[in-house]
Amino acid sequence: MTPHLRPDLLLTAAAALTSAAAAYLPTTNTPLWAALVAPFAVALAHCAACEWTRHRALLAEHAAVRRAAADAIARTGPLADLYTACCSAGFVSRGRAHDTTCPTRTRSRAS
């Protein structure tokens, strides 16, 4: 869980509640309150969208760092010269996810 996920869930819930209030208030005798609540719903929805964007960006950054670390381990490990991956899933699992029937396997390894 990233630090942006909790505020995002809170802002999303608050935006939903204020949107529901802004939709309900015109049906009562206080339509002026609906006009005052609606901009807050829009602002909360915008803040929630910004937090979602930060959350997804942080997850993408973590995934890129993991891929870079796996690549560095594969290039510098003791079996780096003996191992060639058939695809990205085979690379991450060090060959355990795919076998000789993988359609993307290269011919560099003996069958």
C-alpha atoms as a PDB file:
ATOM      1  CA  MET A   1       0.000   0.000   0.000  1.00  0.00           C
ATOM      2  CA  THR A   2       1.403   3.356  -0.978  1.00  0.00           C
ATOM      3  CA  PRO A   3       1.083   6.460   1.195  1.00  0.00           C
ATOM      4  CA  HIS A   4      -1.277   7.950  -1.388  1.00  0.00           C
ATOM      5  CA  LEU A   5      -3.862   5.160  -1.245  1.00  0.00           C
ATOM      6  CA  ARG A   6      -5.455   5.927   2.134  1.00  0.00           C
ATOM      7  CA  PRO A   7      -6.081   9.640   1.462  1.00  0.00           C
ATOM      8  CA  ASP A   8      -7.299   8.687  -1.984  1.00  0.00           C
ATOM      9  CA  LEU A   9      -9.910   6.302  -0.619  1.00  0.00           C
ATOM     10  CA  LEU A  10     -10.999   8.914   1.910  1.00  0.00           C
ATOM     11  CA  LEU A  11     -11.239  11.639  -0.740  1.00  0.00           C
ATOM     12  CA  THR A  12     -13.158   9.333  -3.074  1.00  0.00           C
ATOM     13  CA  ALA A  13     -15.675   8.518  -0.342  1.00  0.00           C
ATOM     14  CA  ALA A  14     -16.013  12.196   0.611  1.00  0.00           C
ATOM     15  CA  ALA A  15     -16.502  13.159  -3.045  1.00  0.00           C
ATOM     16  CA  ALA A  16     -19.199  10.508  -3.426  1.00  0.00           C
ATOM     17  CA  LEU A  17     -21.010  11.686  -0.303  1.00  0.00           C
ATOM     18  CA  THR A  18     -20.867  15.356  -1.263  1.00  0.00           C
ATOM     19  CA  SER A  19     -22.040  14.492  -4.794  1.00  0.00           C
ATOM     20  CA  ALA A  20     -24.972  12.601  -3.336  1.00  0.00           C
ATOM     21  CA  ALA A  21     -25.739  15.538  -1.057  1.00  0.00           C
ATOM     22  CA  ALA A  22     -25.516  17.976  -3.976  1.00  0.00           C
ATOM     23  CA  ALA A  23     -27.923  15.779  -5.949  1.00  0.00           C
ATOM     24  CA  TYR A  24     -30.356  15.403  -3.037  1.00  0.00           C
ATOM     25  CA  LEU A  25     -30.461  19.003  -1.780  1.00  0.00           C
ATOM     26  CA  PRO A  26     -32.345  20.461  -4.793  1.00  0.00           C
ATOM     27  CA  THR A  27     -35.237  18.123  -4.014  1.00  0.00           C
ATOM     28  CA  THR A  28     -35.615  19.714  -0.579  1.00  0.00           C
ATOM     29  CA  ASN A  29     -36.563  23.286   0.261  1.00  0.00           C
ATOM     30  CA  THR A  30     -32.884  24.362   0.298  1.00  0.00           C
ATOM     31  CA  PRO A  31     -31.600  24.495  -3.299  1.00  0.00           C
ATOM     32  CA  LEU A  32     -29.078  27.170  -2.315  1.00  0.00           C
ATOM     33  CA  TRP A  33     -27.179  24.599  -0.260  1.00  0.00           C
ATOM     34  CA  ALA A  34     -26.894  22.400  -3.345  1.00  0.00           C
ATOM     35  CA  ALA A  35     -25.216  25.252  -5.184  1.00  0.00           C
ATOM     36  CA  LEU A  36     -22.772  25.613  -2.287  1.00  0.00           C
ATOM     37  CA  VAL A  37     -22.034  21.891  -1.906  1.00  0.00           C
ATOM     38  CA  ALA A  38     -21.523  21.087  -5.613  1.00  0.00           C
ATOM     39  CA  PRO A  39     -18.160  22.909  -5.984  1.00  0.00           C
ATOM     40  CA  PHE A  40     -16.823  21.040  -2.958  1.00  0.00           C
ATOM     41  CA  ALA A  41     -17.786  17.748  -4.597  1.00  0.00           C
ATOM     42  CA  VAL A  42     -15.902  18.747  -7.747  1.00  0.00           C
ATOM     43  CA  ALA A  43     -12.855  19.826  -5.734  1.00  0.00           C
ATOM     44  CA  LEU A  44     -12.822  16.590  -3.732  1.00  0.00           C
ATOM     45  CA  ALA A  45     -13.149  14.542  -6.914  1.00  0.00           C
ATOM     46  CA  HIS A  46     -10.197  16.410  -8.424  1.00  0.00           C
ATOM     47  CA  CYS A  47      -8.079  15.807  -5.310  1.00  0.00           C
ATOM     48  CA  ALA A  48      -9.019  12.115  -5.365  1.00  0.00           C
ATOM     49  CA  ALA A  49      -7.997  11.859  -9.028  1.00  0.00           C
ATOM     50  CA  CYS A  50      -4.646  13.476  -8.232  1.00  0.00           C
ATOM     51  CA  GLU A  51      -4.028  10.993  -5.405  1.00  0.00           C
ATOM     52  CA  TRP A  52      -4.943   8.070  -7.686  1.00  0.00           C
ATOM     53  CA  THR A  53      -2.442   9.371 -10.228  1.00  0.00           C
ATOM     54  CA  ARG A  54       0.290   9.625  -7.589  1.00  0.00           C
ATOM     55  CA  HIS A  55      -0.541   6.115  -6.360  1.00  0.00           C
ATOM     56  CA  ARG A  56      -0.311   4.614  -9.860  1.00  0.00           C
ATOM     57  CA  ALA A  57       2.920   6.525 -10.592  1.00  0.00           C
ATOM     58  CA  LEU A  58       4.523   5.216  -7.413  1.00  0.00           C
ATOM     59  CA  LEU A  59       3.478   1.647  -8.254  1.00  0.00           C
ATOM     60  CA  ALA A  60       4.939   2.029 -11.749  1.00  0.00           C
ATOM     61  CA  GLU A  61       8.167   3.379 -10.266  1.00  0.00           C
ATOM     62  CA  HIS A  62       8.390   0.402  -7.892  1.00  0.00           C
ATOM     63  CA  ALA A  63       7.807  -2.015 -10.775  1.00  0.00           C
ATOM     64  CA  ALA A  64      10.553  -0.353 -12.815  1.00  0.00           C
ATOM     65  CA  VAL A  65      12.977  -0.623  -9.906  1.00  0.00           C
ATOM     66  CA  ARG A  66      12.097  -4.307  -9.451  1.00  0.00           C
ATOM     67  CA  ARG A  67      12.661  -4.973 -13.156  1.00  0.00           C
ATOM     68  CA  ALA A  68      15.991  -3.158 -13.055  1.00  0.00           C
ATOM     69  CA  ALA A  69      17.081  -5.137  -9.994  1.00  0.00           C
ATOM     70  CA  ALA A  70      16.051  -8.437 -11.593  1.00  0.00           C
ATOM     71  CA  ASP A  71      17.940  -7.476 -14.741  1.00  0.00           C
ATOM     72  CA  ALA A  72      21.040  -6.573 -12.739  1.00  0.00           C
ATOM     73  CA  ILE A  73      20.886  -9.854 -10.813  1.00  0.00           C
ATOM     74  CA  ALA A  74      20.489 -11.841 -14.024  1.00  0.00           C
ATOM     75  CA  ARG A  75      23.441 -10.099 -15.667  1.00  0.00           C
ATOM     76  CA  THR A  76      25.783 -10.417 -12.700  1.00  0.00           C
ATOM     77  CA  GLY A  77      24.662 -13.723 -11.158  1.00  0.00           C
ATOM     78  CA  PRO A  78      26.824 -16.845 -11.194  1.00  0.00           C
ATOM     79  CA  LEU A  79      24.690 -18.435 -13.922  1.00  0.00           C
ATOM     80  CA  ALA A  80      24.364 -15.302 -16.073  1.00  0.00           C
ATOM     81  CA  ASP A  81      26.298 -16.810 -18.966  1.00  0.00           C
ATOM     82  CA  LEU A  82      24.284 -20.037 -18.945  1.00  0.00           C
ATOM     83  CA  TYR A  83      20.788 -18.552 -18.790  1.00  0.00           C
ATOM     84  CA  THR A  84      18.818 -16.971 -21.634  1.00  0.00           C
ATOM     85  CA  ALA A  85      15.158 -16.125 -21.123  1.00  0.00           C
ATOM     86  CA  CYS A  86      12.498 -17.092 -23.624  1.00  0.00           C
ATOM     87  CA  CYS A  87      10.204 -14.212 -22.599  1.00  0.00           C
ATOM     88  CA  SER A  88       9.682 -11.754 -19.758  1.00  0.00           C
ATOM     89  CA  ALA A  89       7.826 -14.307 -17.594  1.00  0.00           C
ATOM     90  CA  GLY A  90      10.634 -16.776 -18.097  1.00  0.00           C
ATOM     91  CA  PHE A  91      13.188 -14.111 -17.248  1.00  0.00           C
ATOM     92  CA  VAL A  92      11.561 -13.139 -13.966  1.00  0.00           C
ATOM     93  CA  SER A  93      11.071 -16.758 -12.884  1.00  0.00           C
ATOM     94  CA  ARG A  94      14.567 -17.750 -14.016  1.00  0.00           C
ATOM     95  CA  GLY A  95      13.114 -20.249 -16.473  1.00  0.00           C
ATOM     96  CA  ARG A  96      10.636 -21.973 -14.145  1.00  0.00           C
ATOM     97  CA  ALA A  97       7.510 -20.390 -15.672  1.00  0.00           C
ATOM     98  CA  HIS A  98       8.129 -21.648 -19.206  1.00  0.00           C
ATOM     99  CA  ASP A  99       9.558 -24.815 -20.604  1.00  0.00           C
ATOM    100  CA  THR A 100      10.578 -25.973 -24.059  1.00  0.00           C
ATOM    101  CA  THR A 101       6.989 -25.614 -25.333  1.00  0.00           C
ATOM    102  CA  CYS A 102       6.954 -21.820 -24.883  1.00  0.00           C
ATOM    103  CA  PRO A 103       6.188 -20.283 -28.300  1.00  0.00           C
ATOM    104  CA  THR A 104       8.545 -17.366 -27.701  1.00  0.00           C
ATOM    105  CA  ARG A 105      11.528 -19.521 -26.737  1.00  0.00           C
ATOM    106  CA  THR A 106      14.622 -18.736 -28.727  1.00  0.00           C
ATOM    107  CA  ARG A 107      16.798 -21.404 -30.273  1.00  0.00           C
ATOM    108  CA  SER A 108      19.876 -20.357 -28.287  1.00  0.00           C
ATOM    109  CA  ARG A 109      19.294 -23.051 -25.650  1.00  0.00           C
ATOM    110  CA  ALA A 110      19.440 -26.746 -26.419  1.00  0.00           C
ATOM    111  CA  SER A 111      16.049 -28.463 -26.281  1.00  0.00           C
END
